[in-house]
Amino acid sequence: MMPRLLRIGTRSSELALWQAAQVQQALHASGVACEIVPIESEGDLDQHAPLYAMGVQGVFTRQLDLALLNQRIDLAVHSLKDVPVQPAQGTVLAAVLPRGPVDDVLLCRDTAWLDDRLMPAVVATGSIRRRAAWRYRYPHHQFENLRGNIHTRLRKFRESSWQGAIFARAALERLQVQLQPGEQLIPMPWMVPAPAQGAIGVVIRENDAALYALCQQRLNDTSTALCTAIERRFLKELQGGCSTPICALARLEDEELVFTGQILQPDGKQALNIQLRKPLSTGEAIAIEAARALLEQGARELLRIPPSSTNETLQP
């Protein structure tokens, strides 16, 4: 039996609170009383170390998982790309909300340096995936580590002499960020997003059947859930985490699944790519096929996967 008042756990950043508010509004519209409970995460408390240097998965989710298991909250709301593909024991992904924009964009003041690939430039990002993808395209550019919430990163860029900084379009749009005079956002269709980028996930205790049914009925978007499940399965098959330069995007097109996958060497010197189009009924098997194909192309060396572990992971 569900409590009269559902407690929605979230990180305390402005973007995380915005995401939790979407869940709260949807539940309120269904007549369910709920409140938002902000909880600090390890990733929020450390504003300096690069994410890939923290040495753990779930850096943004661990404290919320603990709050769930300790029954301090009833639901945890996450950016789904931050959620490890192997959930914390005792928790389950109960819903995925309709997806926002999936792409990354470049914030910059001018674009002359983009047209001349030999022109020196400094680009800021805290993501190893974005750094690897950028370095693959612009191998001579330099990087600055950029951490913090969206407004902190915007401030750092505006106070710097950097040529550009990379952001998720969804974050900028959700917070209705206004550009300053002289600033512009440059689309980057060549940069494949992180698995589940732009999606919001809701995690609950796995033994809460009534709440799971409510989340599925009132919060879950089946198309988004399918596409992000495929992307996360690709990540799982390649034994990657949110700090691994593995990129994936699944979309529905004319009753078919279209999947784009990419694996990058962290220094950007090499990239492996694949695109598959399969019937909708293929489901997550499209991710398994894509992962196997890239492993055959040499992905194991890029990811440093032990040969003995491959057969254990790649099961249809």
C-alpha atoms as a PDB file:
ATOM      1  CA  MET A   1       0.000   0.000   0.000  1.00  0.00           C
ATOM      2  CA  MET A   2       1.390   3.373  -1.021  1.00  0.00           C
ATOM      3  CA  PRO A   3       1.823   6.168   1.532  1.00  0.00           C
ATOM      4  CA  ARG A   4      -0.561   9.118   1.403  1.00  0.00           C
ATOM      5  CA  LEU A   5       2.311  11.443   0.573  1.00  0.00           C
ATOM      6  CA  LEU A   6       4.951  10.255  -1.897  1.00  0.00           C
ATOM      7  CA  ARG A   7       8.451  11.634  -1.328  1.00  0.00           C
ATOM      8  CA  ILE A   8      10.343  12.395  -4.529  1.00  0.00           C
ATOM      9  CA  GLY A   9      14.105  12.364  -4.054  1.00  0.00           C
ATOM     10  CA  THR A  10      16.342  14.417  -6.315  1.00  0.00           C
ATOM     11  CA  ARG A  11      19.713  16.072  -6.509  1.00  0.00           C
ATOM     12  CA  SER A  12      19.611  19.688  -5.419  1.00  0.00           C
ATOM     13  CA  SER A  13      20.781  21.383  -8.624  1.00  0.00           C
ATOM     14  CA  GLU A  14      18.346  23.613 -10.475  1.00  0.00           C
ATOM     15  CA  LEU A  15      18.116  21.192 -13.387  1.00  0.00           C
ATOM     16  CA  ALA A  16      17.535  18.199 -11.123  1.00  0.00           C
ATOM     17  CA  LEU A  17      14.795  20.082  -9.268  1.00  0.00           C
ATOM     18  CA  TRP A  18      13.193  20.951 -12.615  1.00  0.00           C
ATOM     19  CA  GLN A  19      13.160  17.260 -13.509  1.00  0.00           C
ATOM     20  CA  ALA A  20      11.644  16.285 -10.163  1.00  0.00           C
ATOM     21  CA  ALA A  21       8.982  18.960 -10.637  1.00  0.00           C
ATOM     22  CA  GLN A  22       7.896  17.280 -13.895  1.00  0.00           C
ATOM     23  CA  VAL A  23       7.300  14.067 -11.982  1.00  0.00           C
ATOM     24  CA  GLN A  24       5.516  15.914  -9.184  1.00  0.00           C
ATOM     25  CA  GLN A  25       3.221  17.717 -11.625  1.00  0.00           C
ATOM     26  CA  ALA A  26       2.339  14.504 -13.454  1.00  0.00           C
ATOM     27  CA  LEU A  27       1.497  12.745 -10.196  1.00  0.00           C
ATOM     28  CA  HIS A  28      -0.471  15.722  -8.900  1.00  0.00           C
ATOM     29  CA  ALA A  29      -2.493  15.675 -12.131  1.00  0.00           C
ATOM     30  CA  SER A  30      -3.388  12.072 -11.280  1.00  0.00           C
ATOM     31  CA  GLY A  31      -4.527  13.072  -7.804  1.00  0.00           C
ATOM     32  CA  VAL A  32      -1.416  11.787  -6.033  1.00  0.00           C
ATOM     33  CA  ALA A  33       0.003  13.936  -3.223  1.00  0.00           C
ATOM     34  CA  CYS A  34       3.795  14.230  -3.265  1.00  0.00           C
ATOM     35  CA  GLU A  35       6.668  16.391  -2.121  1.00  0.00           C
ATOM     36  CA  ILE A  36      10.211  16.955  -3.375  1.00  0.00           C
ATOM     37  CA  VAL A  37      13.119  15.991  -1.116  1.00  0.00           C
ATOM     38  CA  PRO A  38      16.510  17.398  -2.289  1.00  0.00           C
ATOM     39  CA  ILE A  39      19.555  15.245  -1.499  1.00  0.00           C
ATOM     40  CA  GLU A  40      23.179  16.153  -2.157  1.00  0.00           C
ATOM     41  CA  SER A  41      25.114  13.717  -4.368  1.00  0.00           C
ATOM     42  CA  GLU A  42      28.828  12.983  -4.425  1.00  0.00           C
ATOM     43  CA  GLY A  43      28.999  14.389  -7.935  1.00  0.00           C
ATOM     44  CA  ASP A  44      27.472  17.682  -6.807  1.00  0.00           C
ATOM     45  CA  LEU A  45      29.763  18.045  -3.805  1.00  0.00           C
ATOM     46  CA  ASP A  46      32.972  17.617  -5.844  1.00  0.00           C
ATOM     47  CA  GLN A  47      33.057  20.475  -8.336  1.00  0.00           C
ATOM     48  CA  HIS A  48      36.662  20.067  -9.442  1.00  0.00           C
ATOM     49  CA  ALA A  49      37.655  16.466 -10.195  1.00  0.00           C
ATOM     50  CA  PRO A  50      36.836  15.338 -13.737  1.00  0.00           C
ATOM     51  CA  LEU A  51      33.920  12.909 -13.657  1.00  0.00           C
ATOM     52  CA  TYR A  52      35.995  10.134 -15.195  1.00  0.00           C
ATOM     53  CA  ALA A  53      38.633  10.556 -12.465  1.00  0.00           C
ATOM     54  CA  MET A  54      36.234   9.872  -9.599  1.00  0.00           C
ATOM     55  CA  GLY A  55      36.694   6.160 -10.141  1.00  0.00           C
ATOM     56  CA  VAL A  56      33.113   5.017  -9.526  1.00  0.00           C
ATOM     57  CA  GLN A  57      29.853   4.542 -11.366  1.00  0.00           C
ATOM     58  CA  GLY A  58      26.715   6.023  -9.914  1.00  0.00           C
ATOM     59  CA  VAL A  59      28.488   9.137  -8.659  1.00  0.00           C
ATOM     60  CA  PHE A  60      25.240  11.123  -9.094  1.00  0.00           C
ATOM     61  CA  THR A  61      22.868   8.361  -7.974  1.00  0.00           C
ATOM     62  CA  ARG A  62      24.387   6.624  -4.959  1.00  0.00           C
ATOM     63  CA  GLN A  63      23.007   8.936  -2.271  1.00  0.00           C
ATOM     64  CA  LEU A  64      19.519   8.728  -3.770  1.00  0.00           C
ATOM     65  CA  ASP A  65      19.755   4.931  -3.911  1.00  0.00           C
ATOM     66  CA  LEU A  66      20.656   4.905  -0.219  1.00  0.00           C
ATOM     67  CA  ALA A  67      17.748   7.215   0.579  1.00  0.00           C
ATOM     68  CA  LEU A  68      15.403   4.875  -1.280  1.00  0.00           C
ATOM     69  CA  LEU A  69      16.653   1.764   0.462  1.00  0.00           C
ATOM     70  CA  ASN A  70      16.545   3.505   3.843  1.00  0.00           C
ATOM     71  CA  GLN A  71      12.953   4.560   3.046  1.00  0.00           C
ATOM     72  CA  ARG A  72      13.705   8.285   3.364  1.00  0.00           C
ATOM     73  CA  ILE A  73      12.139   8.727  -0.086  1.00  0.00           C
ATOM     74  CA  ASP A  74       9.741   6.721  -2.256  1.00  0.00           C
ATOM     75  CA  LEU A  75      10.948   7.699  -5.735  1.00  0.00           C
ATOM     76  CA  ALA A  76      14.282   8.965  -7.052  1.00  0.00           C
ATOM     77  CA  VAL A  77      14.377  11.146 -10.173  1.00  0.00           C
ATOM     78  CA  HIS A  78      17.527  11.122 -12.302  1.00  0.00           C
ATOM     79  CA  SER A  79      18.954  12.195 -15.605  1.00  0.00           C
ATOM     80  CA  LEU A  80      18.801   8.693 -17.023  1.00  0.00           C
ATOM     81  CA  LYS A  81      22.248   8.952 -18.596  1.00  0.00           C
ATOM     82  CA  ASP A  82      23.674   9.168 -15.032  1.00  0.00           C
ATOM     83  CA  VAL A  83      22.016   5.930 -13.894  1.00  0.00           C
ATOM     84  CA  PRO A  84      24.294   2.841 -14.001  1.00  0.00           C
ATOM     85  CA  VAL A  85      23.010   0.102 -16.300  1.00  0.00           C
ATOM     86  CA  GLN A  86      23.232  -2.288 -13.352  1.00  0.00           C
ATOM     87  CA  PRO A  87      20.813  -0.813 -10.792  1.00  0.00           C
ATOM     88  CA  ALA A  88      21.543  -0.804  -7.094  1.00  0.00           C
ATOM     89  CA  GLN A  89      20.343  -4.029  -5.499  1.00  0.00           C
ATOM     90  CA  GLY A  90      16.806  -3.552  -4.253  1.00  0.00           C
ATOM     91  CA  THR A  91      15.919  -0.797  -6.758  1.00  0.00           C
ATOM     92  CA  VAL A  92      14.268  -0.809 -10.182  1.00  0.00           C
ATOM     93  CA  LEU A  93      13.764   1.687 -12.996  1.00  0.00           C
ATOM     94  CA  ALA A  94       9.995   2.230 -12.871  1.00  0.00           C
ATOM     95  CA  ALA A  95       9.418   4.856 -15.583  1.00  0.00           C
ATOM     96  CA  VAL A  96      11.065   6.977 -18.248  1.00  0.00           C
ATOM     97  CA  LEU A  97       9.430  10.307 -19.033  1.00  0.00           C
ATOM     98  CA  PRO A  98       9.010  11.667 -22.594  1.00  0.00           C
ATOM     99  CA  ARG A  99      12.427  12.563 -23.912  1.00  0.00           C
ATOM    100  CA  GLY A 100      13.781  16.050 -24.467  1.00  0.00           C
ATOM    101  CA  PRO A 101      16.414  17.046 -27.049  1.00  0.00           C
ATOM    102  CA  VAL A 102      19.180  14.464 -27.272  1.00  0.00           C
ATOM    103  CA  ASP A 103      21.984  16.490 -28.866  1.00  0.00           C
ATOM    104  CA  ASP A 104      24.999  18.420 -27.616  1.00  0.00           C
ATOM    105  CA  VAL A 105      25.596  22.035 -28.622  1.00  0.00           C
ATOM    106  CA  LEU A 106      28.607  24.335 -28.600  1.00  0.00           C
ATOM    107  CA  LEU A 107      28.340  27.695 -26.862  1.00  0.00           C
ATOM    108  CA  CYS A 108      30.763  30.166 -28.415  1.00  0.00           C
ATOM    109  CA  ARG A 109      31.277  33.821 -29.309  1.00  0.00           C
ATOM    110  CA  ASP A 110      32.414  33.384 -32.908  1.00  0.00           C
ATOM    111  CA  THR A 111      32.906  30.518 -35.347  1.00  0.00           C
ATOM    112  CA  ALA A 112      35.973  31.432 -37.408  1.00  0.00           C
ATOM    113  CA  TRP A 113      38.087  29.012 -35.405  1.00  0.00           C
ATOM    114  CA  LEU A 114      35.694  26.158 -36.276  1.00  0.00           C
ATOM    115  CA  ASP A 115      36.129  26.687 -40.012  1.00  0.00           C
ATOM    116  CA  ASP A 116      39.933  26.654 -39.806  1.00  0.00           C
ATOM    117  CA  ARG A 117      40.877  23.335 -38.238  1.00  0.00           C
ATOM    118  CA  LEU A 118      44.476  24.439 -37.770  1.00  0.00           C
ATOM    119  CA  MET A 119      43.536  27.490 -35.704  1.00  0.00           C
ATOM    120  CA  PRO A 120      44.407  27.033 -31.989  1.00  0.00           C
ATOM    121  CA  ALA A 121      41.414  26.870 -29.676  1.00  0.00           C
ATOM    122  CA  VAL A 122      40.438  25.912 -26.128  1.00  0.00           C
ATOM    123  CA  VAL A 123      37.147  24.062 -25.567  1.00  0.00           C
ATOM    124  CA  ALA A 124      35.669  23.374 -22.127  1.00  0.00           C
ATOM    125  CA  THR A 125      33.868  20.215 -21.056  1.00  0.00           C
ATOM    126  CA  GLY A 126      33.824  17.855 -18.078  1.00  0.00           C
ATOM    127  CA  SER A 127      32.744  14.864 -20.180  1.00  0.00           C
ATOM    128  CA  ILE A 128      35.261  12.320 -21.438  1.00  0.00           C
ATOM    129  CA  ARG A 129      32.839  11.407 -24.245  1.00  0.00           C
ATOM    130  CA  ARG A 130      32.532  14.978 -25.492  1.00  0.00           C
ATOM    131  CA  ARG A 131      36.260  15.496 -25.154  1.00  0.00           C
ATOM    132  CA  ALA A 132      37.063  12.332 -27.128  1.00  0.00           C
ATOM    133  CA  ALA A 133      34.532  13.148 -29.857  1.00  0.00           C
ATOM    134  CA  TRP A 134      35.801  16.709 -30.163  1.00  0.00           C
ATOM    135  CA  ARG A 135      39.433  15.632 -30.242  1.00  0.00           C
ATOM    136  CA  TYR A 136      38.640  13.081 -32.965  1.00  0.00           C
ATOM    137  CA  ARG A 137      37.338  15.936 -35.141  1.00  0.00           C
ATOM    138  CA  TYR A 138      39.714  18.692 -33.950  1.00  0.00           C
ATOM    139  CA  PRO A 139      42.883  16.892 -32.786  1.00  0.00           C
ATOM    140  CA  HIS A 140      44.915  20.103 -32.313  1.00  0.00           C
ATOM    141  CA  HIS A 141      42.507  21.783 -29.853  1.00  0.00           C
ATOM    142  CA  GLN A 142      43.114  22.045 -26.113  1.00  0.00           C
ATOM    143  CA  PHE A 143      40.634  21.402 -23.299  1.00  0.00           C
ATOM    144  CA  GLU A 144      39.623  22.879 -19.977  1.00  0.00           C
ATOM    145  CA  ASN A 145      37.782  20.807 -17.398  1.00  0.00           C
ATOM    146  CA  LEU A 146      34.320  22.303 -16.832  1.00  0.00           C
ATOM    147  CA  ARG A 147      32.296  21.119 -13.832  1.00  0.00           C
ATOM    148  CA  GLY A 148      29.393  22.450 -11.797  1.00  0.00           C
ATOM    149  CA  ASN A 149      25.726  23.071 -12.452  1.00  0.00           C
ATOM    150  CA  ILE A 150      24.567  24.732 -15.663  1.00  0.00           C
ATOM    151  CA  HIS A 151      24.741  28.296 -14.381  1.00  0.00           C
ATOM    152  CA  THR A 152      28.151  27.710 -12.821  1.00  0.00           C
ATOM    153  CA  ARG A 153      29.459  26.390 -16.121  1.00  0.00           C
ATOM    154  CA  LEU A 154      27.936  29.317 -18.003  1.00  0.00           C
ATOM    155  CA  ARG A 155      29.583  31.761 -15.624  1.00  0.00           C
ATOM    156  CA  LYS A 156      32.955  30.064 -15.974  1.00  0.00           C
ATOM    157  CA  PHE A 157      32.724  30.219 -19.752  1.00  0.00           C
ATOM    158  CA  ARG A 158      31.699  33.864 -19.743  1.00  0.00           C
ATOM    159  CA  GLU A 159      34.564  34.803 -17.446  1.00  0.00           C
ATOM    160  CA  SER A 160      37.098  32.908 -19.557  1.00  0.00           C
ATOM    161  CA  SER A 161      38.922  33.385 -22.831  1.00  0.00           C
ATOM    162  CA  TRP A 162      37.926  29.908 -24.003  1.00  0.00           C
ATOM    163  CA  GLN A 163      36.688  29.645 -27.565  1.00  0.00           C
ATOM    164  CA  GLY A 164      33.793  27.375 -26.671  1.00  0.00           C
ATOM    165  CA  ALA A 165      32.050  25.150 -24.121  1.00  0.00           C
ATOM    166  CA  ILE A 166      29.902  22.087 -24.763  1.00  0.00           C
ATOM    167  CA  PHE A 167      26.446  21.643 -23.209  1.00  0.00           C
ATOM    168  CA  ALA A 168      23.482  19.296 -23.555  1.00  0.00           C
ATOM    169  CA  ARG A 169      20.750  21.144 -25.425  1.00  0.00           C
ATOM    170  CA  ALA A 170      18.098  19.648 -23.140  1.00  0.00           C
ATOM    171  CA  ALA A 171      19.638  21.264 -20.055  1.00  0.00           C
ATOM    172  CA  LEU A 172      19.803  24.715 -21.630  1.00  0.00           C
ATOM    173  CA  GLU A 173      16.234  24.512 -22.911  1.00  0.00           C
ATOM    174  CA  ARG A 174      14.779  23.143 -19.690  1.00  0.00           C
ATOM    175  CA  LEU A 175      16.310  25.989 -17.685  1.00  0.00           C
ATOM    176  CA  GLN A 176      15.403  28.523 -20.392  1.00  0.00           C
ATOM    177  CA  VAL A 177      18.971  29.816 -20.537  1.00  0.00           C
ATOM    178  CA  GLN A 178      19.226  33.188 -22.280  1.00  0.00           C
ATOM    179  CA  LEU A 179      22.272  33.887 -24.413  1.00  0.00           C
ATOM    180  CA  GLN A 180      24.206  37.087 -23.888  1.00  0.00           C
ATOM    181  CA  PRO A 181      24.979  39.489 -26.777  1.00  0.00           C
ATOM    182  CA  GLY A 182      27.578  37.952 -29.052  1.00  0.00           C
ATOM    183  CA  GLU A 183      26.955  34.374 -27.899  1.00  0.00           C
ATOM    184  CA  GLN A 184      25.603  31.660 -30.148  1.00  0.00           C
ATOM    185  CA  LEU A 185      24.769  27.974 -29.964  1.00  0.00           C
ATOM    186  CA  ILE A 186      26.203  25.783 -32.695  1.00  0.00           C
ATOM    187  CA  PRO A 187      24.498  22.436 -33.429  1.00  0.00           C
ATOM    188  CA  MET A 188      26.825  19.448 -33.626  1.00  0.00           C
ATOM    189  CA  PRO A 189      24.958  16.671 -35.469  1.00  0.00           C
ATOM    190  CA  TRP A 190      28.226  14.763 -35.843  1.00  0.00           C
ATOM    191  CA  MET A 191      28.549  14.266 -32.064  1.00  0.00           C
ATOM    192  CA  VAL A 192      26.630  11.122 -31.077  1.00  0.00           C
ATOM    193  CA  PRO A 193      24.996  11.611 -27.652  1.00  0.00           C
ATOM    194  CA  ALA A 194      25.488   9.615 -24.486  1.00  0.00           C
ATOM    195  CA  PRO A 195      23.137   6.662 -24.005  1.00  0.00           C
ATOM    196  CA  ALA A 196      19.807   7.940 -22.612  1.00  0.00           C
ATOM    197  CA  GLN A 197      20.811  11.602 -22.961  1.00  0.00           C
ATOM    198  CA  GLY A 198      17.826  13.933 -22.642  1.00  0.00           C
ATOM    199  CA  ALA A 199      15.730  11.353 -20.764  1.00  0.00           C
ATOM    200  CA  ILE A 200      14.455  11.458 -17.174  1.00  0.00           C
ATOM    201  CA  GLY A 201      14.241   8.209 -15.207  1.00  0.00           C
ATOM    202  CA  VAL A 202      12.292   7.340 -12.071  1.00  0.00           C
ATOM    203  CA  VAL A 203      13.731   4.687  -9.741  1.00  0.00           C
ATOM    204  CA  ILE A 204      11.851   3.032  -6.867  1.00  0.00           C
ATOM    205  CA  ARG A 205      12.287   0.106  -4.461  1.00  0.00           C
ATOM    206  CA  GLU A 206      11.837  -3.098  -6.427  1.00  0.00           C
ATOM    207  CA  ASN A 207       9.303  -4.627  -4.031  1.00  0.00           C
ATOM    208  CA  ASP A 208       6.841  -1.722  -4.354  1.00  0.00           C
ATOM    209  CA  ALA A 209       4.423  -3.222  -6.907  1.00  0.00           C
ATOM    210  CA  ALA A 210       1.691  -0.619  -6.418  1.00  0.00           C
ATOM    211  CA  LEU A 211       4.052   2.311  -6.973  1.00  0.00           C
ATOM    212  CA  TYR A 212       5.620   0.580  -9.974  1.00  0.00           C
ATOM    213  CA  ALA A 213       2.185   0.208 -11.569  1.00  0.00           C
ATOM    214  CA  LEU A 214       1.414   3.880 -10.878  1.00  0.00           C
ATOM    215  CA  CYS A 215       4.711   5.010 -12.446  1.00  0.00           C
ATOM    216  CA  GLN A 216       4.132   2.853 -15.503  1.00  0.00           C
ATOM    217  CA  GLN A 217       0.621   4.182 -15.944  1.00  0.00           C
ATOM    218  CA  ARG A 218       1.158   7.883 -15.182  1.00  0.00           C
ATOM    219  CA  LEU A 219       4.787   8.631 -15.971  1.00  0.00           C
ATOM    220  CA  ASN A 220       6.218   6.143 -18.461  1.00  0.00           C
ATOM    221  CA  ASP A 221       6.581   7.005 -22.149  1.00  0.00           C
ATOM    222  CA  THR A 222       6.846   3.698 -23.990  1.00  0.00           C
ATOM    223  CA  SER A 223       8.746   5.018 -27.035  1.00  0.00           C
ATOM    224  CA  THR A 224      11.341   6.792 -24.888  1.00  0.00           C
ATOM    225  CA  ALA A 225      11.599   3.785 -22.586  1.00  0.00           C
ATOM    226  CA  LEU A 226      12.272   1.472 -25.541  1.00  0.00           C
ATOM    227  CA  CYS A 227      14.881   3.707 -27.182  1.00  0.00           C
ATOM    228  CA  THR A 228      16.758   4.387 -23.966  1.00  0.00           C
ATOM    229  CA  ALA A 229      16.626   0.698 -23.006  1.00  0.00           C
ATOM    230  CA  ILE A 230      18.316  -0.110 -26.331  1.00  0.00           C
ATOM    231  CA  GLU A 231      20.991   2.531 -25.781  1.00  0.00           C
ATOM    232  CA  ARG A 232      21.648   1.373 -22.237  1.00  0.00           C
ATOM    233  CA  ARG A 233      21.796  -2.275 -23.379  1.00  0.00           C
ATOM    234  CA  PHE A 234      24.496  -1.280 -25.896  1.00  0.00           C
ATOM    235  CA  LEU A 235      26.400   0.336 -23.029  1.00  0.00           C
ATOM    236  CA  LYS A 236      25.939  -2.748 -20.860  1.00  0.00           C
ATOM    237  CA  GLU A 237      27.090  -5.163 -23.560  1.00  0.00           C
ATOM    238  CA  LEU A 238      30.280  -3.133 -23.959  1.00  0.00           C
ATOM    239  CA  GLN A 239      30.748  -3.015 -20.177  1.00  0.00           C
ATOM    240  CA  GLY A 240      30.786   0.763 -20.186  1.00  0.00           C
ATOM    241  CA  GLY A 241      29.704   3.320 -17.624  1.00  0.00           C
ATOM    242  CA  CYS A 242      28.693   6.966 -17.741  1.00  0.00           C
ATOM    243  CA  SER A 243      32.376   7.946 -17.826  1.00  0.00           C
ATOM    244  CA  THR A 244      33.236   5.719 -20.811  1.00  0.00           C
ATOM    245  CA  PRO A 245      33.395   7.257 -24.317  1.00  0.00           C
ATOM    246  CA  ILE A 246      30.552   5.101 -25.646  1.00  0.00           C
ATOM    247  CA  CYS A 247      27.854   6.890 -27.635  1.00  0.00           C
ATOM    248  CA  ALA A 248      24.436   5.604 -28.686  1.00  0.00           C
ATOM    249  CA  LEU A 249      21.174   6.848 -30.118  1.00  0.00           C
ATOM    250  CA  ALA A 250      18.097   4.769 -30.911  1.00  0.00           C
ATOM    251  CA  ARG A 251      15.050   6.252 -32.606  1.00  0.00           C
ATOM    252  CA  LEU A 252      11.791   5.099 -34.149  1.00  0.00           C
ATOM    253  CA  GLU A 253      11.305   5.799 -37.843  1.00  0.00           C
ATOM    254  CA  ASP A 254       8.491   4.397 -40.012  1.00  0.00           C
ATOM    255  CA  GLU A 255       7.820   1.520 -37.610  1.00  0.00           C
ATOM    256  CA  GLU A 256      11.498   0.617 -37.588  1.00  0.00           C
ATOM    257  CA  LEU A 257      14.336   0.998 -35.131  1.00  0.00           C
ATOM    258  CA  VAL A 258      17.307   3.060 -36.256  1.00  0.00           C
ATOM    259  CA  PHE A 259      20.380   2.680 -34.070  1.00  0.00           C
ATOM    260  CA  THR A 260      23.615   4.673 -34.192  1.00  0.00           C
ATOM    261  CA  GLY A 261      26.524   3.566 -32.046  1.00  0.00           C
ATOM    262  CA  GLN A 262      30.044   4.875 -31.591  1.00  0.00           C
ATOM    263  CA  ILE A 263      33.041   3.961 -29.453  1.00  0.00           C
ATOM    264  CA  LEU A 264      35.867   6.446 -29.058  1.00  0.00           C
ATOM    265  CA  GLN A 265      39.398   6.061 -27.858  1.00  0.00           C
ATOM    266  CA  PRO A 266      39.659   8.430 -24.847  1.00  0.00           C
ATOM    267  CA  ASP A 267      42.351  10.501 -26.566  1.00  0.00           C
ATOM    268  CA  GLY A 268      40.162  10.836 -29.663  1.00  0.00           C
ATOM    269  CA  LYS A 269      42.669   9.163 -31.979  1.00  0.00           C
ATOM    270  CA  GLN A 270      40.301   6.426 -33.066  1.00  0.00           C
ATOM    271  CA  ALA A 271      36.555   5.898 -33.423  1.00  0.00           C
ATOM    272  CA  LEU A 272      34.422   2.923 -34.388  1.00  0.00           C
ATOM    273  CA  ASN A 273      30.928   3.542 -35.773  1.00  0.00           C
ATOM    274  CA  ILE A 274      27.875   1.524 -36.651  1.00  0.00           C
ATOM    275  CA  GLN A 275      24.340   2.212 -37.846  1.00  0.00           C
ATOM    276  CA  LEU A 276      21.606  -0.411 -38.024  1.00  0.00           C
ATOM    277  CA  ARG A 277      17.988  -0.341 -39.149  1.00  0.00           C
ATOM    278  CA  LYS A 278      15.783  -3.190 -37.955  1.00  0.00           C
ATOM    279  CA  PRO A 279      12.090  -4.030 -37.494  1.00  0.00           C
ATOM    280  CA  LEU A 280      10.521  -2.638 -34.346  1.00  0.00           C
ATOM    281  CA  SER A 281      10.105  -6.167 -33.021  1.00  0.00           C
ATOM    282  CA  THR A 282      13.905  -6.511 -32.806  1.00  0.00           C
ATOM    283  CA  GLY A 283      13.894  -4.530 -29.556  1.00  0.00           C
ATOM    284  CA  GLU A 284      17.075  -4.641 -27.490  1.00  0.00           C
ATOM    285  CA  ALA A 285      18.582  -7.287 -29.774  1.00  0.00           C
ATOM    286  CA  ILE A 286      19.621  -4.454 -32.098  1.00  0.00           C
ATOM    287  CA  ALA A 287      21.969  -3.227 -29.373  1.00  0.00           C
ATOM    288  CA  ILE A 288      23.491  -6.690 -28.946  1.00  0.00           C
ATOM    289  CA  GLU A 289      24.098  -6.986 -32.691  1.00  0.00           C
ATOM    290  CA  ALA A 290      25.692  -3.528 -32.785  1.00  0.00           C
ATOM    291  CA  ALA A 291      27.944  -4.311 -29.820  1.00  0.00           C
ATOM    292  CA  ARG A 292      29.090  -7.607 -31.332  1.00  0.00           C
ATOM    293  CA  ALA A 293      29.853  -5.929 -34.651  1.00  0.00           C
ATOM    294  CA  LEU A 294      31.997  -3.264 -33.013  1.00  0.00           C
ATOM    295  CA  LEU A 295      33.820  -5.819 -30.889  1.00  0.00           C
ATOM    296  CA  GLU A 296      34.695  -7.659 -34.081  1.00  0.00           C
ATOM    297  CA  GLN A 297      36.032  -4.363 -35.458  1.00  0.00           C
ATOM    298  CA  GLY A 298      38.405  -3.931 -32.519  1.00  0.00           C
ATOM    299  CA  ALA A 299      36.315  -2.286 -29.815  1.00  0.00           C
ATOM    300  CA  ARG A 300      37.789  -4.587 -27.182  1.00  0.00           C
ATOM    301  CA  GLU A 301      41.145  -2.892 -27.540  1.00  0.00           C
ATOM    302  CA  LEU A 302      39.613   0.578 -27.329  1.00  0.00           C
ATOM    303  CA  LEU A 303      37.670  -0.367 -24.198  1.00  0.00           C
ATOM    304  CA  ARG A 304      40.337  -2.704 -22.764  1.00  0.00           C
ATOM    305  CA  ILE A 305      37.774  -5.480 -22.260  1.00  0.00           C
ATOM    306  CA  PRO A 306      39.379  -8.790 -21.134  1.00  0.00           C
ATOM    307  CA  PRO A 307      38.788 -11.409 -23.888  1.00  0.00           C
ATOM    308  CA  SER A 308      37.363 -13.925 -21.391  1.00  0.00           C
ATOM    309  CA  SER A 309      34.536 -11.590 -20.346  1.00  0.00           C
ATOM    310  CA  THR A 310      33.007 -11.053 -23.800  1.00  0.00           C
ATOM    311  CA  ASN A 311      31.114 -14.326 -24.096  1.00  0.00           C
ATOM    312  CA  GLU A 312      29.657 -13.909 -20.631  1.00  0.00           C
ATOM    313  CA  THR A 313      28.203 -10.513 -21.468  1.00  0.00           C
ATOM    314  CA  LEU A 314      26.886 -10.856 -25.005  1.00  0.00           C
ATOM    315  CA  GLN A 315      23.769 -12.929 -24.513  1.00  0.00           C
ATOM    316  CA  PRO A 316      20.712 -12.373 -26.719  1.00  0.00           C
END
